[in-house]
Amino acid sequence: MEFTVGNIYEGKVTGITGFGAFVQLAPGKSGMVHISEIANTYVDDIKKHIKEGDTVKVKLIAIDQNGRINLSIKKALPVPEKPQAAPKPRNASPAKPAGNQAPAGTAAPVMEAATIEKSADSLFEDKLRMFMQRSESKMSDLRMQKDKRSGGRRRR
């Protein structure tokens, strides 16, 4: 049987290790599915997703110089649909009340219901913006402390 990169095959799981699973595609021909290619989510334990003897669909992703066959289960699955978020104007920043900002070095403010309902992208951008503000505040405090310390040493 001729194997082509990019094609989807059906095979039987013959072995499971800590780093992947071995799948027999044809008699005498088997390949390995790396742990990162098992599912579209993080895989901590392969045995939670597949077990020996299972029949799985795999996509042949590579054949290396030594003839080893690299397979992927997640690439053989249909592409998961991502929820469509409403388009957000690029330069618009969400209005934040003055009392919602936490001083440097303190815990982040409690999220309000309106914040939780935002799309994943805007939630990430908000978290990144808050991180950058806290980081910049901490860096300026460190620079001031450094200047105070080094100022005394320069006078010598």
Protein backbone atom coordinates (compact mmCIF):
# COMPACT_ATOMS: atom_id res chain seq x y z
CA MET A 1 0.00 0.00 0.00
CA GLU A 2 1.34 3.42 -0.99
CA PHE A 3 1.06 6.16 1.64
CA THR A 4 0.76 9.84 0.67
CA VAL A 5 1.31 12.83 2.92
CA GLY A 6 -1.96 14.68 3.48
CA ASN A 7 -4.25 11.67 3.07
CA ILE A 8 -6.52 10.39 5.82
CA TYR A 9 -6.29 6.70 6.78
CA GLU A 10 -7.96 4.46 9.29
CA GLY A 11 -5.81 2.45 11.66
CA LYS A 12 -5.77 0.50 14.89
CA VAL A 13 -4.00 1.77 18.03
CA THR A 14 -1.35 -0.84 18.85
CA GLY A 15 0.53 0.89 21.66
CA ILE A 16 0.45 3.93 23.92
CA THR A 17 3.46 5.64 25.48
CA GLY A 18 3.89 8.83 27.49
CA PHE A 19 4.76 10.81 24.35
CA GLY A 20 2.31 9.38 21.83
CA ALA A 21 0.44 6.43 20.37
CA PHE A 22 1.38 3.91 17.69
CA VAL A 23 -1.19 3.20 15.00
CA GLN A 24 -1.05 0.28 12.56
CA LEU A 25 -2.18 1.45 9.13
CA ALA A 26 -1.57 -1.78 7.21
CA PRO A 27 0.11 -5.09 8.01
CA GLY A 28 3.75 -4.26 8.69
CA LYS A 29 3.19 -0.49 8.41
CA SER A 30 2.59 1.66 11.46
CA GLY A 31 3.10 5.26 12.42
CA MET A 32 3.17 7.38 15.52
CA VAL A 33 0.75 10.06 16.69
CA HIS A 34 2.61 12.51 18.94
CA ILE A 35 0.78 13.58 22.12
CA SER A 36 0.37 17.09 20.68
CA GLU A 37 -1.51 15.62 17.70
CA ILE A 38 -4.08 13.61 19.70
CA ALA A 39 -6.79 16.26 20.22
CA ASN A 40 -7.55 19.95 19.67
CA THR A 41 -7.30 20.51 23.43
CA TYR A 42 -4.42 20.02 25.86
CA VAL A 43 -3.71 16.30 26.38
CA ASP A 44 -2.32 15.46 29.80
CA ASP A 45 -2.97 11.71 29.62
CA ILE A 46 -3.35 10.01 26.24
CA LYS A 47 -5.32 7.18 27.81
CA LYS A 48 -8.16 9.62 28.54
CA HIS A 49 -8.60 10.13 24.78
CA ILE A 50 -7.76 6.76 23.18
CA LYS A 51 -6.90 3.24 24.26
CA GLU A 52 -5.16 0.25 22.71
CA GLY A 53 -7.35 -1.55 20.19
CA ASP A 54 -9.32 1.59 19.19
CA THR A 55 -9.83 2.22 15.50
CA VAL A 56 -8.98 5.84 14.70
CA LYS A 57 -8.85 8.09 11.66
CA VAL A 58 -5.45 9.69 11.20
CA LYS A 59 -3.92 12.11 8.75
CA LEU A 60 -0.44 11.34 7.47
CA ILE A 61 1.50 14.54 8.13
CA ALA A 62 5.06 13.45 7.31
CA ILE A 63 7.38 10.61 6.42
CA ASP A 64 10.92 11.33 7.60
CA GLN A 65 14.23 10.30 6.01
CA ASN A 66 14.29 7.08 8.04
CA GLY A 67 10.85 6.07 6.74
CA ARG A 68 9.04 6.78 10.01
CA ILE A 69 5.42 7.80 9.54
CA ASN A 70 4.13 10.79 11.54
CA LEU A 71 0.37 10.89 12.03
CA SER A 72 -2.21 13.28 13.46
CA ILE A 73 -5.64 12.49 14.86
CA LYS A 74 -6.61 16.13 15.42
CA LYS A 75 -5.88 17.08 11.80
CA ALA A 76 -8.13 14.25 10.62
CA LEU A 77 -11.03 15.68 12.64
CA PRO A 78 -13.39 18.27 11.15
CA VAL A 79 -12.30 21.84 11.88
CA PRO A 80 -14.10 23.11 15.01
CA GLU A 81 -16.21 26.20 14.41
CA LYS A 82 -15.22 29.29 16.34
CA PRO A 83 -18.00 31.53 17.65
CA GLN A 84 -18.38 34.69 15.61
CA ALA A 85 -17.85 37.84 17.67
CA ALA A 86 -19.24 41.19 16.67
CA PRO A 87 -16.59 43.27 14.88
CA LYS A 88 -14.93 45.79 17.18
CA PRO A 89 -13.68 49.18 15.98
CA ARG A 90 -9.88 49.19 16.04
CA ASN A 91 -9.24 52.44 17.89
CA ALA A 92 -12.12 52.18 20.35
CA SER A 93 -11.19 51.46 23.93
CA PRO A 94 -13.81 50.46 26.46
CA ALA A 95 -14.73 53.16 28.94
CA LYS A 96 -13.62 52.27 32.43
CA PRO A 97 -14.84 53.94 35.59
CA ALA A 98 -12.16 55.78 37.55
CA GLY A 99 -12.64 53.58 40.62
CA ASN A 100 -12.08 50.35 38.66
CA GLN A 101 -8.32 50.69 38.39
CA ALA A 102 -6.21 48.86 40.93
CA PRO A 103 -3.03 50.47 42.26
CA ALA A 104 0.24 48.83 41.34
CA GLY A 105 1.06 45.74 43.34
CA THR A 106 -2.55 44.95 44.28
CA ALA A 107 -4.92 42.31 42.98
CA ALA A 108 -6.82 42.89 39.75
CA PRO A 109 -10.31 44.38 40.11
CA VAL A 110 -13.29 42.04 40.32
CA MET A 111 -14.82 41.45 36.90
CA GLU A 112 -18.29 42.84 36.37
CA ALA A 113 -21.05 41.02 34.48
CA ALA A 114 -20.58 43.24 31.42
CA THR A 115 -16.89 42.33 31.26
CA ILE A 116 -17.62 38.60 31.41
CA GLU A 117 -19.98 38.87 28.44
CA LYS A 118 -17.28 40.32 26.17
CA SER A 119 -15.81 38.21 23.40
CA ALA A 120 -12.65 36.25 24.12
CA ASP A 121 -10.53 38.65 22.04
CA SER A 122 -11.62 41.80 23.85
CA LEU A 123 -11.29 40.02 27.21
CA PHE A 124 -7.71 39.11 26.31
CA GLU A 125 -6.99 42.66 25.17
CA ASP A 126 -8.35 44.04 28.44
CA LYS A 127 -6.22 41.65 30.47
CA LEU A 128 -3.17 42.53 28.38
CA ARG A 129 -3.82 46.25 28.81
CA MET A 130 -4.13 45.86 32.60
CA PHE A 131 -0.94 43.78 32.70
CA MET A 132 0.96 46.39 30.70
CA GLN A 133 -0.23 49.19 33.00
CA ARG A 134 0.81 47.30 36.14
CA SER A 135 4.10 46.30 34.55
CA GLU A 136 4.92 49.87 33.52
CA SER A 137 4.09 51.10 37.02
CA LYS A 138 6.34 48.49 38.62
CA MET A 139 9.17 49.25 36.18
CA SER A 140 9.01 52.99 36.92
CA ASP A 141 9.09 52.24 40.68
CA LEU A 142 12.17 50.05 40.16
CA ARG A 143 13.88 52.75 38.07
CA MET A 144 13.22 55.35 40.79
CA GLN A 145 14.67 53.05 43.46
CA LYS A 146 17.70 52.35 41.29
CA ASP A 147 18.26 56.07 40.66
CA LYS A 148 18.08 56.78 44.40
CA ARG A 149 20.64 54.07 45.15
CA SER A 150 23.01 54.93 42.32
CA GLY A 151 22.73 58.67 43.03
CA GLY A 152 24.40 58.19 46.40
CA ARG A 153 27.23 56.20 44.88
CA ARG A 154 28.03 58.74 42.20
CA ARG A 155 28.90 61.38 44.81
CA ARG A 156 31.90 59.42 46.06
